[in-house]
Amino acid sequence: MTEMLHLEPFGPEHFGIVSGWFDDARATALWGGTQLAFPFSYDQLCAGTAEMLGAKPVFAGFMVKSGSDQVGHGQIVFDHPNGIARLCRIAIAPEFRGRGCRGRC
């Protein structure tokens, strides 16, 4: 049986999960930019969470779940002056890559 995918807000409990999806500095830089060190530190990732709070957040993070499995992560960057948003830092858990979930895993 396949499970529907669901989004949940990104929280402190997800830091260790997402950081474990990247094997080296190159993979980390391709995903998060060169400002992220390898391996991720909790403090490094927590620094960005302040930008997710308030009436006009700069970005929002989310986790993608299939049942109880964490299968992906992404961020939405808000461009408030122009009224648009962009998806960025999309990552899929290694064990779910290449499975063609497309809404179900």
PDB file of N, CA and C in Angstrom:
ATOM      1  N   MET A   1       0.844  -1.187   0.000  1.00  0.00           N
ATOM      2  CA  MET A   1       0.000   0.000   0.000  1.00  0.00           C
ATOM      3  C   MET A   1       0.886   1.246   0.000  1.00  0.00           C
ATOM      4  N   THR A   2       0.529   2.229  -0.764  1.00  0.00           N
ATOM      5  CA  THR A   2       1.279   3.475  -0.798  1.00  0.00           C
ATOM      6  C   THR A   2       0.616   4.505   0.102  1.00  0.00           C
ATOM      7  N   GLU A   3       1.437   5.381   0.640  1.00  0.00           N
ATOM      8  CA  GLU A   3       0.970   6.440   1.531  1.00  0.00           C
ATOM      9  C   GLU A   3       0.938   7.762   0.784  1.00  0.00           C
ATOM     10  N   MET A   4      -0.036   8.599   1.095  1.00  0.00           N
ATOM     11  CA  MET A   4      -0.075   9.952   0.556  1.00  0.00           C
ATOM     12  C   MET A   4       1.055  10.764   1.198  1.00  0.00           C
ATOM     13  N   LEU A   5       1.574  11.718   0.444  1.00  0.00           N
ATOM     14  CA  LEU A   5       2.588  12.613   0.984  1.00  0.00           C
ATOM     15  C   LEU A   5       1.902  13.758   1.722  1.00  0.00           C
ATOM     16  N   HIS A   6       2.513  14.178   2.838  1.00  0.00           N
ATOM     17  CA  HIS A   6       1.996  15.269   3.650  1.00  0.00           C
ATOM     18  C   HIS A   6       3.136  16.207   4.000  1.00  0.00           C
ATOM     19  N   LEU A   7       2.831  17.487   4.096  1.00  0.00           N
ATOM     20  CA  LEU A   7       3.810  18.479   4.519  1.00  0.00           C
ATOM     21  C   LEU A   7       3.597  18.805   5.979  1.00  0.00           C
ATOM     22  N   GLU A   8       4.705  19.034   6.689  1.00  0.00           N
ATOM     23  CA  GLU A   8       4.640  19.516   8.060  1.00  0.00           C
ATOM     24  C   GLU A   8       5.704  20.586   8.226  1.00  0.00           C
ATOM     25  N   PRO A   9       5.475  21.540   9.111  1.00  0.00           N
ATOM     26  CA  PRO A   9       6.454  22.604   9.318  1.00  0.00           C
ATOM     27  C   PRO A   9       7.802  22.038   9.767  1.00  0.00           C
ATOM     28  N   PHE A  10       8.874  22.643   9.284  1.00  0.00           N
ATOM     29  CA  PHE A  10      10.228  22.253   9.654  1.00  0.00           C
ATOM     30  C   PHE A  10      10.509  22.748  11.053  1.00  0.00           C
ATOM     31  N   GLY A  11      10.972  21.874  11.924  1.00  0.00           N
ATOM     32  CA  GLY A  11      11.262  22.234  13.304  1.00  0.00           C
ATOM     33  C   GLY A  11      12.598  21.698  13.759  1.00  0.00           C
ATOM     34  N   PRO A  12      13.007  22.029  14.981  1.00  0.00           N
ATOM     35  CA  PRO A  12      14.308  21.599  15.501  1.00  0.00           C
ATOM     36  C   PRO A  12      14.511  20.084  15.449  1.00  0.00           C
ATOM     37  N   GLU A  13      13.445  19.337  15.568  1.00  0.00           N
ATOM     38  CA  GLU A  13      13.564  17.877  15.546  1.00  0.00           C
ATOM     39  C   GLU A  13      13.968  17.336  14.178  1.00  0.00           C
ATOM     40  N   HIS A  14      13.923  18.164  13.152  1.00  0.00           N
ATOM     41  CA  HIS A  14      14.255  17.732  11.793  1.00  0.00           C
ATOM     42  C   HIS A  14      15.711  17.994  11.406  1.00  0.00           C
ATOM     43  N   PHE A  15      16.434  18.814  12.192  1.00  0.00           N
ATOM     44  CA  PHE A  15      17.794  19.182  11.819  1.00  0.00           C
ATOM     45  C   PHE A  15      18.693  17.972  11.600  1.00  0.00           C
ATOM     46  N   GLY A  16      18.691  17.057  12.537  1.00  0.00           N
ATOM     47  CA  GLY A  16      19.549  15.875  12.427  1.00  0.00           C
ATOM     48  C   GLY A  16      19.169  14.979  11.265  1.00  0.00           C
ATOM     49  N   ILE A  17      17.896  14.904  10.965  1.00  0.00           N
ATOM     50  CA  ILE A  17      17.428  14.080   9.852  1.00  0.00           C
ATOM     51  C   ILE A  17      17.962  14.624   8.535  1.00  0.00           C
ATOM     52  N   VAL A  18      17.725  15.908   8.285  1.00  0.00           N
ATOM     53  CA  VAL A  18      18.133  16.521   7.016  1.00  0.00           C
ATOM     54  C   VAL A  18      19.651  16.526   6.871  1.00  0.00           C
ATOM     55  N   SER A  19      20.381  16.846   7.924  1.00  0.00           N
ATOM     56  CA  SER A  19      21.841  16.907   7.814  1.00  0.00           C
ATOM     57  C   SER A  19      22.436  15.543   7.493  1.00  0.00           C
ATOM     58  N   GLY A  20      21.769  14.483   7.869  1.00  0.00           N
ATOM     59  CA  GLY A  20      22.248  13.139   7.579  1.00  0.00           C
ATOM     60  C   GLY A  20      22.063  12.706   6.127  1.00  0.00           C
ATOM     61  N   TRP A  21      21.360  13.486   5.341  1.00  0.00           N
ATOM     62  CA  TRP A  21      21.113  13.137   3.947  1.00  0.00           C
ATOM     63  C   TRP A  21      22.251  13.527   3.012  1.00  0.00           C
ATOM     64  N   PHE A  22      23.271  14.229   3.504  1.00  0.00           N
ATOM     65  CA  PHE A  22      24.356  14.721   2.666  1.00  0.00           C
ATOM     66  C   PHE A  22      25.674  14.091   3.100  1.00  0.00           C
ATOM     67  N   ASP A  23      26.351  13.435   2.148  1.00  0.00           N
ATOM     68  CA  ASP A  23      27.546  12.646   2.449  1.00  0.00           C
ATOM     69  C   ASP A  23      28.841  13.432   2.532  1.00  0.00           C
ATOM     70  N   ASP A  24      28.896  14.599   1.897  1.00  0.00           N
ATOM     71  CA  ASP A  24      30.158  15.320   1.858  1.00  0.00           C
ATOM     72  C   ASP A  24      29.915  16.819   1.647  1.00  0.00           C
ATOM     73  N   ALA A  25      31.023  17.573   1.659  1.00  0.00           N
ATOM     74  CA  ALA A  25      30.940  19.025   1.519  1.00  0.00           C
ATOM     75  C   ALA A  25      30.369  19.427   0.163  1.00  0.00           C
ATOM     76  N   ARG A  26      30.691  18.676  -0.886  1.00  0.00           N
ATOM     77  CA  ARG A  26      30.181  19.006  -2.215  1.00  0.00           C
ATOM     78  C   ARG A  26      28.660  18.885  -2.262  1.00  0.00           C
ATOM     79  N   ALA A  27      28.136  17.787  -1.744  1.00  0.00           N
ATOM     80  CA  ALA A  27      26.682  17.584  -1.733  1.00  0.00           C
ATOM     81  C   ALA A  27      25.993  18.657  -0.881  1.00  0.00           C
ATOM     82  N   THR A  28      26.611  18.998   0.234  1.00  0.00           N
ATOM     83  CA  THR A  28      26.060  20.043   1.099  1.00  0.00           C
ATOM     84  C   THR A  28      26.022  21.386   0.376  1.00  0.00           C
ATOM     85  N   ALA A  29      27.113  21.741  -0.303  1.00  0.00           N
ATOM     86  CA  ALA A  29      27.177  23.021  -1.021  1.00  0.00           C
ATOM     87  C   ALA A  29      26.201  23.061  -2.189  1.00  0.00           C
ATOM     88  N   LEU A  30      26.032  21.945  -2.886  1.00  0.00           N
ATOM     89  CA  LEU A  30      25.073  21.908  -3.991  1.00  0.00           C
ATOM     90  C   LEU A  30      23.659  22.145  -3.495  1.00  0.00           C
ATOM     91  N   TRP A  31      23.356  21.649  -2.322  1.00  0.00           N
ATOM     92  CA  TRP A  31      22.017  21.808  -1.759  1.00  0.00           C
ATOM     93  C   TRP A  31      21.837  23.157  -1.072  1.00  0.00           C
ATOM     94  N   GLY A  32      22.743  23.483  -0.162  1.00  0.00           N
ATOM     95  CA  GLY A  32      22.521  24.631   0.708  1.00  0.00           C
ATOM     96  C   GLY A  32      23.386  25.839   0.454  1.00  0.00           C
ATOM     97  N   GLY A  33      24.279  25.749  -0.518  1.00  0.00           N
ATOM     98  CA  GLY A  33      25.188  26.852  -0.778  1.00  0.00           C
ATOM     99  C   GLY A  33      26.473  26.706   0.019  1.00  0.00           C
ATOM    100  N   THR A  34      27.451  27.444  -0.376  1.00  0.00           N
ATOM    101  CA  THR A  34      28.770  27.310   0.241  1.00  0.00           C
ATOM    102  C   THR A  34      28.842  27.886   1.649  1.00  0.00           C
ATOM    103  N   GLN A  35      27.815  28.599   2.091  1.00  0.00           N
ATOM    104  CA  GLN A  35      27.831  29.140   3.450  1.00  0.00           C
ATOM    105  C   GLN A  35      27.562  28.066   4.499  1.00  0.00           C
ATOM    106  N   LEU A  36      27.048  26.902   4.087  1.00  0.00           N
ATOM    107  CA  LEU A  36      26.824  25.807   5.034  1.00  0.00           C
ATOM    108  C   LEU A  36      28.068  24.935   5.097  1.00  0.00           C
ATOM    109  N   ALA A  37      28.559  24.715   6.310  1.00  0.00           N
ATOM    110  CA  ALA A  37      29.720  23.854   6.501  1.00  0.00           C
ATOM    111  C   ALA A  37      29.283  22.390   6.448  1.00  0.00           C
ATOM    112  N   PHE A  38      30.233  21.505   6.228  1.00  0.00           N
ATOM    113  CA  PHE A  38      29.962  20.074   6.315  1.00  0.00           C
ATOM    114  C   PHE A  38      30.807  19.520   7.442  1.00  0.00           C
ATOM    115  N   PRO A  39      30.219  18.729   8.333  1.00  0.00           N
ATOM    116  CA  PRO A  39      28.782  18.449   8.419  1.00  0.00           C
ATOM    117  C   PRO A  39      28.030  19.645   9.009  1.00  0.00           C
ATOM    118  N   PHE A  40      26.714  19.648   8.814  1.00  0.00           N
ATOM    119  CA  PHE A  40      25.884  20.723   9.364  1.00  0.00           C
ATOM    120  C   PHE A  40      26.060  20.764  10.872  1.00  0.00           C
ATOM    121  N   SER A  41      26.020  21.965  11.423  1.00  0.00           N
ATOM    122  CA  SER A  41      25.966  22.081  12.871  1.00  0.00           C
ATOM    123  C   SER A  41      24.560  22.554  13.246  1.00  0.00           C
ATOM    124  N   TYR A  42      24.142  22.170  14.405  1.00  0.00           N
ATOM    125  CA  TYR A  42      22.830  22.585  14.886  1.00  0.00           C
ATOM    126  C   TYR A  42      22.744  24.114  14.938  1.00  0.00           C
ATOM    127  N   ASP A  43      23.791  24.757  15.455  1.00  0.00           N
ATOM    128  CA  ASP A  43      23.795  26.219  15.565  1.00  0.00           C
ATOM    129  C   ASP A  43      23.696  26.884  14.199  1.00  0.00           C
ATOM    130  N   GLN A  44      24.375  26.332  13.205  1.00  0.00           N
ATOM    131  CA  GLN A  44      24.342  26.896  11.859  1.00  0.00           C
ATOM    132  C   GLN A  44      22.919  26.889  11.303  1.00  0.00           C
ATOM    133  N   LEU A  45      22.229  25.790  11.459  1.00  0.00           N
ATOM    134  CA  LEU A  45      20.876  25.692  10.938  1.00  0.00           C
ATOM    135  C   LEU A  45      19.876  26.459  11.787  1.00  0.00           C
ATOM    136  N   CYS A  46      20.083  26.529  13.077  1.00  0.00           N
ATOM    137  CA  CYS A  46      19.174  27.266  13.961  1.00  0.00           C
ATOM    138  C   CYS A  46      19.218  28.755  13.686  1.00  0.00           C
ATOM    139  N   ALA A  47      20.355  29.258  13.213  1.00  0.00           N
ATOM    140  CA  ALA A  47      20.460  30.695  12.932  1.00  0.00           C
ATOM    141  C   ALA A  47      19.400  31.133  11.934  1.00  0.00           C
ATOM    142  N   GLY A  48      19.016  30.270  11.028  1.00  0.00           N
ATOM    143  CA  GLY A  48      18.019  30.616  10.027  1.00  0.00           C
ATOM    144  C   GLY A  48      16.589  30.547  10.518  1.00  0.00           C
ATOM    145  N   THR A  49      16.342  29.880  11.630  1.00  0.00           N
ATOM    146  CA  THR A  49      14.957  29.716  12.066  1.00  0.00           C
ATOM    147  C   THR A  49      14.320  31.032  12.482  1.00  0.00           C
ATOM    148  N   ALA A  50      15.109  32.005  12.921  1.00  0.00           N
ATOM    149  CA  ALA A  50      14.541  33.302  13.294  1.00  0.00           C
ATOM    150  C   ALA A  50      13.889  33.969  12.088  1.00  0.00           C
ATOM    151  N   GLU A  51      14.406  33.690  10.893  1.00  0.00           N
ATOM    152  CA  GLU A  51      13.845  34.282   9.684  1.00  0.00           C
ATOM    153  C   GLU A  51      12.508  33.648   9.290  1.00  0.00           C
ATOM    154  N   MET A  52      12.147  32.533   9.942  1.00  0.00           N
ATOM    155  CA  MET A  52      10.881  31.862   9.634  1.00  0.00           C
ATOM    156  C   MET A  52       9.748  32.362  10.530  1.00  0.00           C
ATOM    157  N   LEU A  53      10.050  33.263  11.442  1.00  0.00           N
ATOM    158  CA  LEU A  53       9.056  33.730  12.404  1.00  0.00           C
ATOM    159  C   LEU A  53       8.572  35.129  12.048  1.00  0.00           C
ATOM    160  N   GLY A  54       7.463  35.521  12.607  1.00  0.00           N
ATOM    161  CA  GLY A  54       6.951  36.872  12.424  1.00  0.00           C
ATOM    162  C   GLY A  54       5.860  36.954  11.374  1.00  0.00           C
ATOM    163  N   ALA A  55       5.337  38.163  11.204  1.00  0.00           N
ATOM    164  CA  ALA A  55       4.213  38.395  10.286  1.00  0.00           C
ATOM    165  C   ALA A  55       4.624  38.253   8.827  1.00  0.00           C
ATOM    166  N   LYS A  56       5.866  38.603   8.505  1.00  0.00           N
ATOM    167  CA  LYS A  56       6.355  38.497   7.123  1.00  0.00           C
ATOM    168  C   LYS A  56       7.659  37.700   7.120  1.00  0.00           C
ATOM    169  N   PRO A  57       7.573  36.383   7.234  1.00  0.00           N
ATOM    170  CA  PRO A  57       8.798  35.583   7.272  1.00  0.00           C
ATOM    171  C   PRO A  57       9.573  35.680   5.954  1.00  0.00           C
ATOM    172  N   VAL A  58      10.884  35.542   6.047  1.00  0.00           N
ATOM    173  CA  VAL A  58      11.741  35.551   4.868  1.00  0.00           C
ATOM    174  C   VAL A  58      11.641  34.205   4.149  1.00  0.00           C
ATOM    175  N   PHE A  59      11.571  33.139   4.929  1.00  0.00           N
ATOM    176  CA  PHE A  59      11.402  31.813   4.332  1.00  0.00           C
ATOM    177  C   PHE A  59      10.654  30.892   5.283  1.00  0.00           C
ATOM    178  N   ALA A  60      10.160  29.814   4.736  1.00  0.00           N
ATOM    179  CA  ALA A  60       9.495  28.781   5.521  1.00  0.00           C
ATOM    180  C   ALA A  60      10.078  27.443   5.115  1.00  0.00           C
ATOM    181  N   GLY A  61      10.317  26.603   6.084  1.00  0.00           N
ATOM    182  CA  GLY A  61      10.825  25.270   5.814  1.00  0.00           C
ATOM    183  C   GLY A  61       9.738  24.248   6.056  1.00  0.00           C
ATOM    184  N   PHE A  62       9.818  23.142   5.336  1.00  0.00           N
ATOM    185  CA  PHE A  62       8.846  22.074   5.529  1.00  0.00           C
ATOM    186  C   PHE A  62       9.505  20.720   5.345  1.00  0.00           C
ATOM    187  N   MET A  63       8.893  19.724   5.933  1.00  0.00           N
ATOM    188  CA  MET A  63       9.292  18.329   5.748  1.00  0.00           C
ATOM    189  C   MET A  63       8.168  17.636   5.001  1.00  0.00           C
ATOM    190  N   VAL A  64       8.546  16.678   4.182  1.00  0.00           N
ATOM    191  CA  VAL A  64       7.577  15.861   3.460  1.00  0.00           C
ATOM    192  C   VAL A  64       7.558  14.501   4.131  1.00  0.00           C
ATOM    193  N   LYS A  65       6.361  14.052   4.488  1.00  0.00           N
ATOM    194  CA  LYS A  65       6.204  12.760   5.156  1.00  0.00           C
ATOM    195  C   LYS A  65       5.357  11.822   4.315  1.00  0.00           C
ATOM    196  N   SER A  66       5.701  10.556   4.393  1.00  0.00           N
ATOM    197  CA  SER A  66       4.891   9.478   3.846  1.00  0.00           C
ATOM    198  C   SER A  66       4.666   8.523   5.002  1.00  0.00           C
ATOM    199  N   GLY A  67       3.462   8.509   5.538  1.00  0.00           N
ATOM    200  CA  GLY A  67       3.219   7.754   6.759  1.00  0.00           C
ATOM    201  C   GLY A  67       4.068   8.346   7.867  1.00  0.00           C
ATOM    202  N   SER A  68       4.895   7.528   8.521  1.00  0.00           N
ATOM    203  CA  SER A  68       5.779   8.027   9.574  1.00  0.00           C
ATOM    204  C   SER A  68       7.178   8.337   9.054  1.00  0.00           C
ATOM    205  N   ASP A  69       7.437   8.105   7.767  1.00  0.00           N
ATOM    206  CA  ASP A  69       8.753   8.346   7.179  1.00  0.00           C
ATOM    207  C   ASP A  69       8.931   9.800   6.757  1.00  0.00           C
ATOM    208  N   GLN A  70      10.093  10.352   7.066  1.00  0.00           N
ATOM    209  CA  GLN A  70      10.470  11.687   6.583  1.00  0.00           C
ATOM    210  C   GLN A  70      11.137  11.468   5.225  1.00  0.00           C
ATOM    211  N   VAL A  71      10.496  11.855   4.137  1.00  0.00           N
ATOM    212  CA  VAL A  71      11.012  11.552   2.803  1.00  0.00           C
ATOM    213  C   VAL A  71      11.607  12.751   2.081  1.00  0.00           C
ATOM    214  N   GLY A  72      11.368  13.973   2.563  1.00  0.00           N
ATOM    215  CA  GLY A  72      11.904  15.129   1.874  1.00  0.00           C
ATOM    216  C   GLY A  72      11.896  16.380   2.723  1.00  0.00           C
ATOM    217  N   HIS A  73      12.573  17.384   2.211  1.00  0.00           N
ATOM    218  CA  HIS A  73      12.651  18.682   2.857  1.00  0.00           C
ATOM    219  C   HIS A  73      12.676  19.747   1.766  1.00  0.00           C
ATOM    220  N   GLY A  74      12.125  20.893   2.071  1.00  0.00           N
ATOM    221  CA  GLY A  74      12.192  22.022   1.147  1.00  0.00           C
ATOM    222  C   GLY A  74      12.004  23.325   1.882  1.00  0.00           C
ATOM    223  N   GLN A  75      12.309  24.399   1.178  1.00  0.00           N
ATOM    224  CA  GLN A  75      12.126  25.726   1.738  1.00  0.00           C
ATOM    225  C   GLN A  75      11.426  26.595   0.701  1.00  0.00           C
ATOM    226  N   ILE A  76      10.675  27.545   1.196  1.00  0.00           N
ATOM    227  CA  ILE A  76      10.014  28.541   0.356  1.00  0.00           C
ATOM    228  C   ILE A  76      10.581  29.895   0.767  1.00  0.00           C
ATOM    229  N   VAL A  77      11.151  30.622  -0.173  1.00  0.00           N
ATOM    230  CA  VAL A  77      11.688  31.959   0.084  1.00  0.00           C
ATOM    231  C   VAL A  77      10.666  32.965  -0.424  1.00  0.00           C
ATOM    232  N   PHE A  78      10.260  33.871   0.443  1.00  0.00           N
ATOM    233  CA  PHE A  78       9.245  34.865   0.106  1.00  0.00           C
ATOM    234  C   PHE A  78       9.879  36.167  -0.353  1.00  0.00           C
ATOM    235  N   ASP A  79       9.420  36.670  -1.475  1.00  0.00           N
ATOM    236  CA  ASP A  79       9.813  37.980  -1.999  1.00  0.00           C
ATOM    237  C   ASP A  79       8.592  38.877  -1.811  1.00  0.00           C
ATOM    238  N   HIS A  80       8.450  39.415  -0.604  1.00  0.00           N
ATOM    239  CA  HIS A  80       7.263  40.197  -0.257  1.00  0.00           C
ATOM    240  C   HIS A  80       7.041  41.420  -1.141  1.00  0.00           C
ATOM    241  N   PRO A  81       8.074  42.201  -1.460  1.00  0.00           N
ATOM    242  CA  PRO A  81       7.832  43.389  -2.287  1.00  0.00           C
ATOM    243  C   PRO A  81       7.237  43.058  -3.662  1.00  0.00           C
ATOM    244  N   ASN A  82       7.611  41.898  -4.211  1.00  0.00           N
ATOM    245  CA  ASN A  82       7.119  41.522  -5.537  1.00  0.00           C
ATOM    246  C   ASN A  82       5.956  40.542  -5.493  1.00  0.00           C
ATOM    247  N   GLY A  83       5.562  40.135  -4.287  1.00  0.00           N
ATOM    248  CA  GLY A  83       4.412  39.251  -4.138  1.00  0.00           C
ATOM    249  C   GLY A  83       4.600  37.858  -4.702  1.00  0.00           C
ATOM    250  N   ILE A  84       5.833  37.346  -4.643  1.00  0.00           N
ATOM    251  CA  ILE A  84       6.097  36.005  -5.160  1.00  0.00           C
ATOM    252  C   ILE A  84       6.883  35.187  -4.140  1.00  0.00           C
ATOM    253  N   ALA A  85       6.973  33.907  -4.397  1.00  0.00           N
ATOM    254  CA  ALA A  85       7.768  33.005  -3.570  1.00  0.00           C
ATOM    255  C   ALA A  85       8.487  32.020  -4.479  1.00  0.00           C
ATOM    256  N   ARG A  86       9.601  31.497  -3.985  1.00  0.00           N
ATOM    257  CA  ARG A  86      10.392  30.543  -4.756  1.00  0.00           C
ATOM    258  C   ARG A  86      10.674  29.310  -3.902  1.00  0.00           C
ATOM    259  N   LEU A  87      10.574  28.150  -4.516  1.00  0.00           N
ATOM    260  CA  LEU A  87      10.988  26.920  -3.853  1.00  0.00           C
ATOM    261  C   LEU A  87      12.500  26.825  -3.931  1.00  0.00           C
ATOM    262  N   CYS A  88      13.126  26.384  -2.849  1.00  0.00           N
ATOM    263  CA  CYS A  88      14.572  26.208  -2.849  1.00  0.00           C
ATOM    264  C   CYS A  88      14.964  25.127  -1.854  1.00  0.00           C
ATOM    265  N   ARG A  89      16.218  24.747  -1.888  1.00  0.00           N
ATOM    266  CA  ARG A  89      16.771  23.729  -0.994  1.00  0.00           C
ATOM    267  C   ARG A  89      15.858  22.513  -0.879  1.00  0.00           C
ATOM    268  N   ILE A  90      15.494  21.967  -2.010  1.00  0.00           N
ATOM    269  CA  ILE A  90      14.676  20.760  -2.032  1.00  0.00           C
ATOM    270  C   ILE A  90      15.599  19.553  -1.891  1.00  0.00           C
ATOM    271  N   ALA A  91      15.284  18.663  -0.989  1.00  0.00           N
ATOM    272  CA  ALA A  91      16.085  17.454  -0.782  1.00  0.00           C
ATOM    273  C   ALA A  91      15.166  16.262  -0.571  1.00  0.00           C
ATOM    274  N   ILE A  92      15.590  15.132  -1.073  1.00  0.00           N
ATOM    275  CA  ILE A  92      14.865  13.876  -0.892  1.00  0.00           C
ATOM    276  C   ILE A  92      15.752  12.937  -0.084  1.00  0.00           C
ATOM    277  N   ALA A  93      15.173  12.261   0.889  1.00  0.00           N
ATOM    278  CA  ALA A  93      15.924  11.302   1.689  1.00  0.00           C
ATOM    279  C   ALA A  93      16.547  10.248   0.771  1.00  0.00           C
ATOM    280  N   PRO A  94      17.803   9.889   1.013  1.00  0.00           N
ATOM    281  CA  PRO A  94      18.490   8.949   0.118  1.00  0.00           C
ATOM    282  C   PRO A  94      17.715   7.666  -0.179  1.00  0.00           C
ATOM    283  N   GLU A  95      17.065   7.120   0.804  1.00  0.00           N
ATOM    284  CA  GLU A  95      16.351   5.853   0.604  1.00  0.00           C
ATOM    285  C   GLU A  95      15.077   5.995  -0.237  1.00  0.00           C
ATOM    286  N   PHE A  96      14.668   7.233  -0.499  1.00  0.00           N
ATOM    287  CA  PHE A  96      13.471   7.465  -1.312  1.00  0.00           C
ATOM    288  C   PHE A  96      13.793   8.030  -2.691  1.00  0.00           C
ATOM    289  N   ARG A  97      15.059   8.299  -2.969  1.00  0.00           N
ATOM    290  CA  ARG A  97      15.447   8.846  -4.265  1.00  0.00           C
ATOM    291  C   ARG A  97      15.257   7.800  -5.358  1.00  0.00           C
ATOM    292  N   GLY A  98      14.771   8.274  -6.504  1.00  0.00           N
ATOM    293  CA  GLY A  98      14.625   7.393  -7.658  1.00  0.00           C
ATOM    294  C   GLY A  98      13.416   6.478  -7.614  1.00  0.00           C
ATOM    295  N   ARG A  99      12.534   6.669  -6.658  1.00  0.00           N
ATOM    296  CA  ARG A  99      11.367   5.793  -6.536  1.00  0.00           C
ATOM    297  C   ARG A  99      10.131   6.322  -7.263  1.00  0.00           C
ATOM    298  N   GLY A 100      10.214   7.534  -7.772  1.00  0.00           N
ATOM    299  CA  GLY A 100       9.081   8.086  -8.508  1.00  0.00           C
ATOM    300  C   GLY A 100       7.818   8.227  -7.685  1.00  0.00           C
ATOM    301  N   CYS A 101       7.923   8.770  -6.492  1.00  0.00           N
ATOM    302  CA  CYS A 101       6.765   8.875  -5.590  1.00  0.00           C
ATOM    303  C   CYS A 101       5.641   9.727  -6.181  1.00  0.00           C
ATOM    304  N   ARG A 102       5.938  10.912  -6.670  1.00  0.00           N
ATOM    305  CA  ARG A 102       4.944  11.809  -7.270  1.00  0.00           C
ATOM    306  C   ARG A 102       3.615  11.840  -6.536  1.00  0.00           C
ATOM    307  N   GLY A 103       3.648  12.123  -5.278  1.00  0.00           N
ATOM    308  CA  GLY A 103       2.410  12.241  -4.513  1.00  0.00           C
ATOM    309  C   GLY A 103       2.148  11.057  -3.612  1.00  0.00           C
ATOM    310  N   ARG A 104       2.759   9.934  -3.919  1.00  0.00           N
ATOM    311  CA  ARG A 104       2.623   8.736  -3.070  1.00  0.00           C
ATOM    312  C   ARG A 104       3.966   8.021  -2.998  1.00  0.00           C
ATOM    313  N   CYS A 105       4.276   7.442  -1.844  1.00  0.00           N
ATOM    314  CA  CYS A 105       5.502   6.652  -1.700  1.00  0.00           C
ATOM    315  C   CYS A 105       5.161   5.269  -1.182  1.00  0.00           C
TER     316      CYS A 105
END
